[in-house]
Structures are given as C-alpha cells and as structure tokens.
Amino acid sequence: MRIWKKYSLLLSGIGVSYFGNWVYLIALNILVLDMAGSAAAVAGIYIVGPIARLLTNLWAGTIIDRVNKRNLMVLADILRGSLVLLVPFLDSLWTVYSILFVANIAGAFFGPSSTFYITKFVADTDRRRFNSIMSMMNSGSFLIGPAVAGVLIALVGTTWCIVLNAVTFFFCAVCIAKLPDVEDENLQKREPITVKMLVSDWHVVKGFIQQDRYFIKIYLLFQSALMIAFALDSQEVTFIKQNLVLSDQMYGLIVSIAGVGSLLGAAASAGLAKRFSLQMYVGVGMILTAVGYLLFYSAVDFWTATAAFLFLGFFMAFSNSGYDTFYQKNVPTTIMGRFGSLASMFQSLLQITFTFILGVIGEWFSLQMVAIGFASIAVFVALLLCRHVFSKRHRPYYAEGN
C-alpha cells in the first residue's frame, strides 16, 4: 500500500495504458480482418511493430539520452494517442499500417525513457516491489482486457474500443506530466545530433559492454533463455490443437489460466520482495520459468498443460521483476537510453532467429520433441545463469538499498 501511495501517478498512468493496449489489440485484429478479409493482413500487424522498432533503435538511444525523459514520455503518449484515434476512420489497409509504424516508433522512445525515469524516481529499496506491481498490473490487464474488449465490441463495436485505447494514452500522458522531473546528468550536454555523434554513442555503449563483462554475461544468459521461451510461445497454439487435440475454447481457457498464474506470481513476488534475495528472483525464477515450458511441452492432456501453464506464469513473474530490478541497478543512467535501444535490437533479432529455427525444425520432426529439446536448452542456459548469479564475488550487483 505504501508503494502504491508513493508512486500512484506513475503506476496509474502506465497501468491504465496496459489495459488499453489489450483492448486495442483485440479490436485492431478484428478491424483489419473485416477490412481486408485476410489472415495475412492481420499477421501484418505483428510485423510492422518489430520492423519499426528495429529501424528506430539504431538512433533513438542518442536522442533519449539527451532530452528530458518525462517530457519525451508525455510527447510519445500524446502522439500514440492521436495516431490511434485516427485508425477507425481509415479505409486503406496500407494507411493503417503506416499509422501503426509511426506509433511503434513513438513506442520505441517511450520504453527506454520510462526505464530511466523509474530508475531515478523509484527508490532502490522499492524497485523490486514496484516492478512486481507493474508486472501484476500487466498480468491483470492481460486477463481483463480481452474480456472487456469482447463485451465492448459486442455492445458498441471496434471503433469505440480503439478510441478507448487512445484515451488511455492521453490519461497516461496527463499522469506523467504531473510527475516531477528527475536528475539527469545528460541534459547539461545538449548538442546537435549528427552522424558523428551516433557513431561516438555506439562506441560509448561498446566501452560499457567491454568494461562490465559480468553484467553483460548475466544479460546474455538471461535474454538467451527468455528469447528461447518466447520462440516456444509461437508454437503453443499448434501444440495445443494438433498434439493435444484441444478446441479453440480449451486453448483460450489455458491461456487465461496462464494469465491467472502470472497475476498470482506478480502478487507473490511483490509480497515476498523483502524475504528473498534478488539472486533468487533472477536465477531460480528463470530456472523454474524454463522448467515450466519443459513441463508444458511434455503435457499429454488438458490438465497437465493447464498445470504447467499455471506454474510457468507464476514463476515468470518472479524472473521478470528480478531482472528488471537488476537491469535498473547496474546500467548507468547516463547511457540507459542508448544501451536500452541496442538491447531491444538484440532481443528482437534473437527472438526472430530462434523462432525461425524452431519453426523450420518443427516442420521436419515431431513438434513436441523439438519443443522439448528447445525447452531443455533453455533450462540448461538458466542453470548456467543461476551459477553466475550466485557468485559470491559479484554480490554487490544484487545489493538493494544503501
């Protein structure tokens, strides 16, 4: 409760935006399907975003690190809200894609800026509980958003659902605008942005990577295990329908139960932040997350798959909040925008690569056996991660508070 009172504006703004995004996603899928009558057109929604972020992250970090982060978040939300507001009134699919492309560019600025702001605004001793509450709000939105979208679409249509998402962006902008500015060392070093500066900035990030090898080792191991898991997500519907021979309704139920697991896990991780170390959250949390994927793809029926998804959702909340806290603690705020942009590019490329490899091999061999193999690799990587996380020599990386 103390955390909520202290950071209510920040939590309210981002939390409402999470909810709006889920309502919007369901409505946008239906809108594009009705507009084009093609599953490929709907798939285009999920391609536009990663392309926009990959192209933007090449240079966004340089701008993010040199401007006021609070103002940049406000501007990004106002721009996204304004663009989303246009979508229901467009009659060209390519115009919709263009709007989504620009909105995702704005989103590429919001993410690293919010990470910087949270790092500066939220006290070191509060961060793990704060991140857990953020995860809980995201999980709650995942559960409630699609259900509310279904009701709203039935009652008032897709247009008003998309308008609702635009309103949530404006609400988030108002909440963030009311927050105080935070200390920012880079604001005193403003200068025109040039190609030479972009190259220089990448050298600065390269220097950090070469200097702090332990952080990079943890980052690479965690992201490798996580991106393998995300690649496995791409096959869950195929596995459930073809291997377990379950209906669309059963698939929806299993995914909802995973959301319940995430919500319970996020609540537990917030409540237990003072009882367990950050190492436990990062290392053990990721091992149990990877084990959850292994259990899911080893499932033989609805009940074993449901139990595995509940287990998976619960412990992923711990690993995510632990990693977010570790990242906020150890990435220098002076380069957080640039490093965050580079990290986002790396994660996108890694996820695309793993997903492609899994999809191709899954066509050649049994999907279940291939998925079990990938999940086993994720467990092995998580075990390596855990070994390094609990290194006594590197305990300062996980110390919270002064």
Protein backbone atom coordinates (compact mmCIF):
# COMPACT_ATOMS: atom_id res chain seq x y z
CA MET A 1 0.00 0.00 0.00
CA ARG A 2 2.88 2.37 0.82
CA ILE A 3 4.39 1.71 -2.61
CA TRP A 4 1.05 2.48 -4.29
CA LYS A 5 0.61 5.78 -2.42
CA LYS A 6 4.16 6.89 -3.14
CA TYR A 7 4.12 6.08 -6.86
CA SER A 8 0.38 6.20 -7.61
CA LEU A 9 0.59 8.58 -10.59
CA LEU A 10 3.26 6.55 -12.35
CA LEU A 11 1.55 3.22 -11.66
CA SER A 12 -1.89 4.55 -12.62
CA GLY A 13 -0.72 6.04 -15.91
CA ILE A 14 1.22 3.02 -17.13
CA GLY A 15 -1.30 0.54 -15.67
CA VAL A 16 -4.25 2.12 -17.50
CA SER A 17 -2.15 2.15 -20.68
CA TYR A 18 -1.51 -1.61 -20.29
CA PHE A 19 -5.25 -2.22 -20.06
CA GLY A 20 -5.99 -0.06 -23.10
CA ASN A 21 -3.36 -1.88 -25.16
CA TRP A 22 -5.07 -5.26 -24.66
CA VAL A 23 -8.49 -3.88 -25.57
CA TYR A 24 -6.95 -2.19 -28.61
CA LEU A 25 -5.12 -5.33 -29.78
CA ILE A 26 -8.31 -7.40 -29.90
CA ALA A 27 -10.25 -4.62 -31.63
CA LEU A 28 -7.46 -3.92 -34.14
CA ASN A 29 -7.26 -7.59 -35.16
CA ILE A 30 -11.00 -7.63 -35.88
CA LEU A 31 -10.90 -4.25 -37.64
CA VAL A 32 -8.10 -5.33 -40.02
CA LEU A 33 -9.71 -8.72 -40.64
CA ASP A 34 -13.02 -7.03 -41.52
CA MET A 35 -11.19 -4.50 -43.69
CA ALA A 36 -9.09 -7.00 -45.68
CA GLY A 37 -10.72 -10.37 -45.04
CA SER A 38 -7.28 -11.93 -44.85
CA ALA A 39 -5.33 -13.69 -42.09
CA ALA A 40 -2.12 -12.45 -43.75
CA ALA A 41 -3.34 -8.86 -43.32
CA VAL A 42 -3.79 -9.48 -39.60
CA ALA A 43 -0.30 -11.01 -39.41
CA GLY A 44 1.00 -7.76 -40.90
CA ILE A 45 0.07 -6.00 -37.64
CA TYR A 46 2.64 -8.15 -35.84
CA ILE A 47 5.34 -7.49 -38.46
CA VAL A 48 5.04 -3.70 -38.65
CA GLY A 49 5.91 -3.21 -34.96
CA PRO A 50 9.22 -5.13 -34.87
CA ILE A 51 10.36 -3.54 -38.17
CA ALA A 52 9.64 -0.04 -36.84
CA ARG A 53 11.48 -0.75 -33.57
CA LEU A 54 14.49 -2.30 -35.29
CA LEU A 55 14.90 0.72 -37.58
CA THR A 56 14.29 3.25 -34.81
CA ASN A 57 16.56 1.70 -32.21
CA LEU A 58 19.58 2.44 -34.40
CA TRP A 59 19.35 6.11 -33.46
CA ALA A 60 16.65 6.54 -30.79
CA GLY A 61 19.02 5.98 -27.86
CA THR A 62 21.12 9.02 -28.81
CA ILE A 63 18.03 11.25 -28.63
CA ILE A 64 16.61 9.62 -25.49
CA ASP A 65 19.82 10.15 -23.52
CA ARG A 66 19.94 13.86 -24.42
CA VAL A 67 16.40 15.08 -23.76
CA ASN A 68 14.07 15.37 -20.77
CA LYS A 69 12.72 11.84 -20.26
CA ARG A 70 9.45 12.88 -18.60
CA ASN A 71 8.64 15.28 -21.44
CA LEU A 72 9.61 12.65 -24.02
CA MET A 73 7.23 10.10 -22.43
CA VAL A 74 4.41 12.66 -22.43
CA LEU A 75 5.07 13.54 -26.08
CA ALA A 76 5.26 9.87 -27.10
CA ASP A 77 1.92 9.10 -25.42
CA ILE A 78 0.18 12.13 -26.94
CA LEU A 79 1.50 11.15 -30.38
CA ARG A 80 0.45 7.50 -29.97
CA GLY A 81 -2.98 8.50 -28.68
CA SER A 82 -3.51 10.90 -31.60
CA LEU A 83 -2.42 8.31 -34.17
CA VAL A 84 -4.53 5.51 -32.68
CA LEU A 85 -7.53 7.86 -32.69
CA LEU A 86 -7.24 8.05 -36.50
CA VAL A 87 -7.25 4.28 -37.11
CA PRO A 88 -11.04 3.59 -37.00
CA PHE A 89 -11.67 6.29 -39.59
CA LEU A 90 -9.22 4.98 -42.21
CA ASP A 91 -10.35 2.91 -45.20
CA SER A 92 -6.94 1.89 -46.58
CA LEU A 93 -5.05 -1.05 -45.07
CA TRP A 94 -1.68 0.44 -46.01
CA THR A 95 -2.61 3.71 -44.31
CA VAL A 96 -3.43 1.73 -41.16
CA TYR A 97 -0.03 0.02 -41.38
CA SER A 98 1.65 3.42 -41.82
CA ILE A 99 -0.10 4.79 -38.74
CA LEU A 100 0.92 1.71 -36.74
CA PHE A 101 4.51 2.09 -37.98
CA VAL A 102 4.76 5.67 -36.70
CA ALA A 103 3.01 4.74 -33.43
CA ASN A 104 5.58 1.99 -32.86
CA ILE A 105 8.39 4.48 -33.48
CA ALA A 106 6.92 6.61 -30.68
CA GLY A 107 6.72 3.49 -28.52
CA ALA A 108 10.43 2.83 -29.11
CA PHE A 109 11.13 6.16 -27.38
CA PHE A 110 8.72 5.55 -24.51
CA GLY A 111 10.20 2.22 -23.31
CA PRO A 112 13.82 3.24 -22.58
CA SER A 113 12.65 6.64 -21.28
CA SER A 114 10.30 5.01 -18.77
CA THR A 115 13.08 2.64 -17.63
CA PHE A 116 15.34 5.64 -16.98
CA TYR A 117 12.57 7.53 -15.16
CA ILE A 118 11.68 4.53 -12.96
CA THR A 119 15.37 4.02 -12.11
CA LYS A 120 15.72 7.65 -10.98
CA PHE A 121 12.27 8.15 -9.43
CA VAL A 122 11.75 4.87 -7.56
CA ALA A 123 13.97 4.34 -4.52
CA ASP A 124 16.47 1.49 -4.77
CA THR A 125 14.81 -0.34 -1.86
CA ASP A 126 11.37 -0.07 -3.52
CA ARG A 127 12.26 -1.12 -7.05
CA ARG A 128 11.68 -4.86 -6.81
CA ARG A 129 8.22 -4.43 -5.27
CA PHE A 130 7.45 -1.63 -7.75
CA ASN A 131 8.45 -3.86 -10.70
CA SER A 132 6.37 -6.70 -9.25
CA ILE A 133 3.32 -4.42 -9.01
CA MET A 134 3.90 -3.31 -12.62
CA SER A 135 4.01 -6.98 -13.62
CA MET A 136 0.82 -7.63 -11.66
CA MET A 137 -0.94 -4.78 -13.46
CA ASN A 138 0.23 -6.09 -16.83
CA SER A 139 -0.99 -9.60 -15.97
CA GLY A 140 -4.31 -8.23 -14.75
CA SER A 141 -4.71 -6.27 -17.98
CA PHE A 142 -3.93 -9.44 -19.96
CA LEU A 143 -6.79 -11.18 -18.14
CA ILE A 144 -9.35 -8.38 -18.05
CA GLY A 145 -8.55 -6.50 -21.29
CA PRO A 146 -9.62 -9.16 -23.83
CA ALA A 147 -12.78 -9.92 -21.84
CA VAL A 148 -13.74 -6.23 -21.68
CA ALA A 149 -12.88 -5.89 -25.38
CA GLY A 150 -15.23 -8.76 -26.20
CA VAL A 151 -18.09 -7.10 -24.31
CA LEU A 152 -17.41 -3.63 -25.77
CA ILE A 153 -17.13 -4.94 -29.33
CA ALA A 154 -20.48 -6.71 -28.91
CA LEU A 155 -22.10 -3.58 -27.46
CA VAL A 156 -20.55 -0.63 -29.31
CA GLY A 157 -18.22 -2.07 -32.00
CA THR A 158 -14.48 -1.97 -32.63
CA THR A 159 -14.32 1.79 -33.21
CA TRP A 160 -15.03 2.70 -29.60
CA CYS A 161 -12.58 0.09 -28.32
CA ILE A 162 -9.81 1.73 -30.33
CA VAL A 163 -10.94 5.17 -29.16
CA LEU A 164 -10.71 3.83 -25.58
CA ASN A 165 -7.07 2.92 -26.18
CA ALA A 166 -6.36 6.43 -27.46
CA VAL A 167 -7.94 7.83 -24.28
CA THR A 168 -5.70 5.59 -22.12
CA PHE A 169 -2.62 7.05 -23.85
CA PHE A 170 -3.86 10.58 -23.11
CA PHE A 171 -4.59 9.59 -19.50
CA CYS A 172 -1.07 8.18 -19.14
CA ALA A 173 0.37 11.42 -20.60
CA VAL A 174 -1.55 13.51 -18.04
CA CYS A 175 -0.36 11.34 -15.13
CA ILE A 176 3.28 11.50 -16.25
CA ALA A 177 3.05 15.27 -16.88
CA LYS A 178 2.10 15.71 -13.20
CA LEU A 179 5.20 13.83 -12.01
CA PRO A 180 8.34 15.76 -11.03
CA ASP A 181 11.42 15.90 -13.20
CA VAL A 182 14.32 13.70 -12.09
CA GLU A 183 18.02 14.38 -12.06
CA ASP A 184 19.53 13.85 -15.49
CA GLU A 185 23.27 14.33 -15.99
CA ASN A 186 22.99 14.34 -19.78
CA LEU A 187 20.73 17.41 -20.01
CA GLN A 188 23.74 19.64 -19.41
CA LYS A 189 25.46 18.26 -22.51
CA ARG A 190 22.95 19.14 -25.23
CA GLU A 191 24.36 19.47 -28.74
CA PRO A 192 23.13 18.96 -32.30
CA ILE A 193 22.69 15.29 -33.21
CA THR A 194 24.96 14.24 -36.08
CA VAL A 195 26.17 11.01 -37.68
CA LYS A 196 29.49 11.52 -35.88
CA MET A 197 27.60 11.68 -32.58
CA LEU A 198 25.70 8.46 -33.37
CA VAL A 199 28.98 6.65 -34.07
CA SER A 200 30.51 8.10 -30.89
CA ASP A 201 27.50 6.96 -28.84
CA TRP A 202 27.81 3.39 -30.10
CA HIS A 203 31.47 3.47 -29.04
CA VAL A 204 30.37 4.57 -25.56
CA VAL A 205 27.97 1.63 -25.32
CA LYS A 206 30.71 -0.67 -26.66
CA GLY A 207 33.02 0.62 -23.92
CA PHE A 208 30.43 -0.22 -21.24
CA ILE A 209 29.97 -3.71 -22.68
CA GLN A 210 33.74 -4.32 -22.67
CA GLN A 211 34.18 -2.85 -19.19
CA ASP A 212 31.36 -4.58 -17.30
CA ARG A 213 31.69 -8.14 -18.53
CA TYR A 214 29.83 -9.67 -15.58
CA PHE A 215 26.67 -7.65 -16.25
CA ILE A 216 26.84 -8.49 -19.97
CA LYS A 217 27.29 -12.19 -19.13
CA ILE A 218 24.13 -12.16 -16.97
CA TYR A 219 22.28 -10.13 -19.58
CA LEU A 220 23.19 -12.53 -22.42
CA LEU A 221 22.34 -15.67 -20.44
CA PHE A 222 19.01 -14.29 -19.20
CA GLN A 223 17.95 -12.96 -22.60
CA SER A 224 19.02 -16.14 -24.39
CA ALA A 225 16.86 -18.27 -22.09
CA LEU A 226 13.98 -15.78 -22.34
CA MET A 227 14.12 -15.49 -26.15
CA ILE A 228 14.10 -19.30 -26.48
CA ALA A 229 10.97 -19.21 -24.30
CA PHE A 230 9.40 -16.52 -26.49
CA ALA A 231 10.19 -18.60 -29.58
CA LEU A 232 8.39 -21.53 -27.92
CA ASP A 233 5.36 -19.25 -27.43
CA SER A 234 4.96 -19.14 -31.22
CA GLN A 235 4.21 -22.89 -31.26
CA GLU A 236 1.84 -23.12 -28.29
CA VAL A 237 -1.40 -22.90 -30.29
CA THR A 238 -0.14 -25.51 -32.81
CA PHE A 239 0.89 -27.85 -29.99
CA ILE A 240 -2.41 -27.47 -28.14
CA LYS A 241 -4.58 -28.01 -31.21
CA GLN A 242 -2.56 -30.64 -33.08
CA ASN A 243 -0.71 -32.60 -30.39
CA LEU A 244 -3.19 -32.32 -27.51
CA VAL A 245 -6.16 -32.19 -29.93
CA LEU A 246 -7.97 -29.48 -27.97
CA SER A 247 -10.53 -26.96 -29.24
CA ASP A 248 -10.13 -23.20 -29.63
CA GLN A 249 -12.19 -22.75 -26.46
CA MET A 250 -9.84 -25.00 -24.49
CA TYR A 251 -6.86 -23.07 -25.88
CA GLY A 252 -8.40 -19.80 -24.71
CA LEU A 253 -9.04 -21.30 -21.27
CA ILE A 254 -5.43 -22.50 -20.93
CA VAL A 255 -4.07 -19.06 -21.89
CA SER A 256 -6.42 -17.40 -19.38
CA ILE A 257 -5.20 -19.73 -16.65
CA ALA A 258 -1.61 -18.77 -17.55
CA GLY A 259 -2.69 -15.18 -17.00
CA VAL A 260 -4.06 -16.13 -13.58
CA GLY A 261 -0.67 -17.71 -12.79
CA SER A 262 1.12 -14.52 -13.85
CA LEU A 263 -1.19 -12.40 -11.71
CA LEU A 264 -0.70 -14.62 -8.66
CA GLY A 265 3.06 -14.74 -9.27
CA ALA A 266 3.31 -10.96 -9.57
CA ALA A 267 1.35 -10.51 -6.33
CA ALA A 268 3.56 -13.07 -4.59
CA SER A 269 6.77 -11.51 -5.91
CA ALA A 270 5.66 -8.10 -4.61
CA GLY A 271 4.78 -9.54 -1.19
CA LEU A 272 7.96 -11.60 -0.86
CA ALA A 273 10.43 -8.95 -2.07
CA LYS A 274 11.82 -8.46 1.46
CA ARG A 275 12.06 -12.19 2.19
CA PHE A 276 14.03 -13.49 -0.80
CA SER A 277 17.19 -12.13 -2.39
CA LEU A 278 17.36 -10.57 -5.82
CA GLN A 279 19.56 -13.50 -6.87
CA MET A 280 16.69 -15.89 -6.10
CA TYR A 281 14.33 -13.87 -8.27
CA VAL A 282 16.73 -13.69 -11.25
CA GLY A 283 18.40 -17.12 -11.11
CA VAL A 284 15.89 -19.52 -9.56
CA GLY A 285 12.98 -17.62 -11.13
CA MET A 286 14.39 -18.17 -14.63
CA ILE A 287 15.16 -21.86 -13.97
CA LEU A 288 11.58 -22.50 -12.85
CA THR A 289 10.24 -20.48 -15.81
CA ALA A 290 12.23 -22.65 -18.24
CA VAL A 291 11.08 -25.79 -16.38
CA GLY A 292 7.51 -24.54 -16.85
CA TYR A 293 8.00 -24.52 -20.64
CA LEU A 294 9.51 -28.01 -20.46
CA LEU A 295 6.52 -29.27 -18.47
CA PHE A 296 4.07 -27.63 -20.88
CA TYR A 297 5.53 -29.25 -24.00
CA SER A 298 5.73 -32.57 -22.12
CA ALA A 299 1.99 -32.37 -21.38
CA VAL A 300 -0.28 -35.19 -22.51
CA ASP A 301 -3.73 -33.68 -21.94
CA PHE A 302 -5.65 -30.56 -20.93
CA TRP A 303 -4.97 -30.91 -17.21
CA THR A 304 -1.21 -31.37 -17.43
CA ALA A 305 -0.93 -28.49 -19.93
CA THR A 306 -3.03 -26.24 -17.68
CA ALA A 307 -0.98 -27.08 -14.58
CA ALA A 308 2.25 -26.39 -16.50
CA PHE A 309 0.98 -23.02 -17.76
CA LEU A 310 -0.11 -22.03 -14.24
CA PHE A 311 3.36 -22.97 -12.93
CA LEU A 312 5.03 -21.12 -15.82
CA GLY A 313 3.03 -17.92 -15.40
CA PHE A 314 3.64 -17.86 -11.65
CA PHE A 315 7.44 -18.07 -11.78
CA MET A 316 7.92 -15.91 -14.87
CA ALA A 317 6.59 -13.01 -12.79
CA PHE A 318 9.46 -13.51 -10.33
CA SER A 319 12.16 -13.75 -13.00
CA ASN A 320 10.89 -10.68 -14.88
CA SER A 321 10.65 -8.40 -11.84
CA GLY A 322 14.06 -9.64 -10.65
CA TYR A 323 15.71 -8.98 -13.99
CA ASP A 324 14.11 -5.53 -14.33
CA THR A 325 15.49 -4.59 -10.90
CA PHE A 326 18.96 -5.98 -11.74
CA TYR A 327 18.97 -4.03 -15.03
CA GLN A 328 17.87 -0.75 -13.41
CA LYS A 329 20.53 -1.11 -10.74
CA ASN A 330 23.51 -1.86 -12.99
CA VAL A 331 23.07 0.02 -16.27
CA PRO A 332 24.42 3.59 -15.86
CA THR A 333 21.59 6.08 -16.26
CA THR A 334 23.84 8.24 -18.47
CA ILE A 335 23.71 5.59 -21.23
CA MET A 336 20.43 3.85 -20.36
CA GLY A 337 18.66 5.09 -23.50
CA ARG A 338 21.45 4.04 -25.83
CA PHE A 339 22.02 0.67 -24.18
CA GLY A 340 18.26 0.04 -23.97
CA SER A 341 17.89 0.67 -27.71
CA LEU A 342 20.79 -1.68 -28.51
CA ALA A 343 19.35 -4.31 -26.14
CA SER A 344 15.94 -4.07 -27.81
CA MET A 345 17.53 -4.63 -31.24
CA PHE A 346 19.48 -7.63 -29.95
CA GLN A 347 16.41 -9.17 -28.32
CA SER A 348 14.32 -8.74 -31.48
CA LEU A 349 16.97 -10.35 -33.67
CA LEU A 350 17.49 -13.18 -31.19
CA GLN A 351 13.76 -13.86 -30.96
CA ILE A 352 13.33 -13.81 -34.74
CA THR A 353 16.28 -16.21 -35.17
CA PHE A 354 15.12 -18.69 -32.52
CA THR A 355 11.53 -18.57 -33.76
CA PHE A 356 12.62 -19.22 -37.36
CA ILE A 357 14.88 -22.14 -36.38
CA LEU A 358 12.18 -23.68 -34.19
CA GLY A 359 9.58 -23.33 -36.95
CA VAL A 360 11.80 -24.92 -39.60
CA ILE A 361 12.95 -27.85 -37.43
CA GLY A 362 9.37 -28.32 -36.21
CA GLU A 363 8.36 -28.95 -39.84
CA TRP A 364 10.98 -31.70 -40.22
CA PHE A 365 10.49 -33.54 -36.93
CA SER A 366 7.85 -34.01 -34.23
CA LEU A 367 6.86 -30.57 -32.89
CA GLN A 368 6.63 -31.91 -29.34
CA MET A 369 10.12 -33.42 -29.40
CA VAL A 370 11.64 -30.28 -30.97
CA ALA A 371 9.89 -28.04 -28.42
CA ILE A 372 11.05 -30.27 -25.55
CA GLY A 373 14.59 -30.02 -26.95
CA PHE A 374 14.43 -26.21 -27.10
CA ALA A 375 12.94 -26.03 -23.59
CA SER A 376 15.73 -28.29 -22.32
CA ILE A 377 18.30 -25.89 -23.81
CA ALA A 378 16.51 -23.03 -22.02
CA VAL A 379 16.75 -24.96 -18.73
CA PHE A 380 20.48 -25.55 -19.31
CA VAL A 381 21.09 -21.86 -20.07
CA ALA A 382 19.08 -20.92 -16.95
CA LEU A 383 21.24 -23.25 -14.84
CA LEU A 384 24.36 -21.52 -16.18
CA LEU A 385 22.72 -18.18 -15.37
CA CYS A 386 21.95 -19.32 -11.81
CA ARG A 387 25.54 -20.46 -11.29
CA HIS A 388 26.87 -17.00 -12.19
CA VAL A 389 24.11 -15.13 -10.34
CA PHE A 390 25.05 -16.77 -7.03
CA SER A 391 28.76 -15.96 -7.42
CA LYS A 392 29.90 -14.60 -4.03
CA ARG A 393 32.36 -12.25 -5.73
CA HIS A 394 29.53 -10.42 -7.52
CA ARG A 395 27.06 -9.92 -4.66
CA PRO A 396 27.26 -6.08 -4.93
CA TYR A 397 25.45 -6.32 -8.27
CA TYR A 398 22.34 -7.50 -6.37
CA ALA A 399 22.55 -5.35 -3.24
CA GLU A 400 19.42 -3.24 -2.78
CA GLY A 401 19.48 -0.03 -0.76
CA ASN A 402 22.41 1.65 0.92
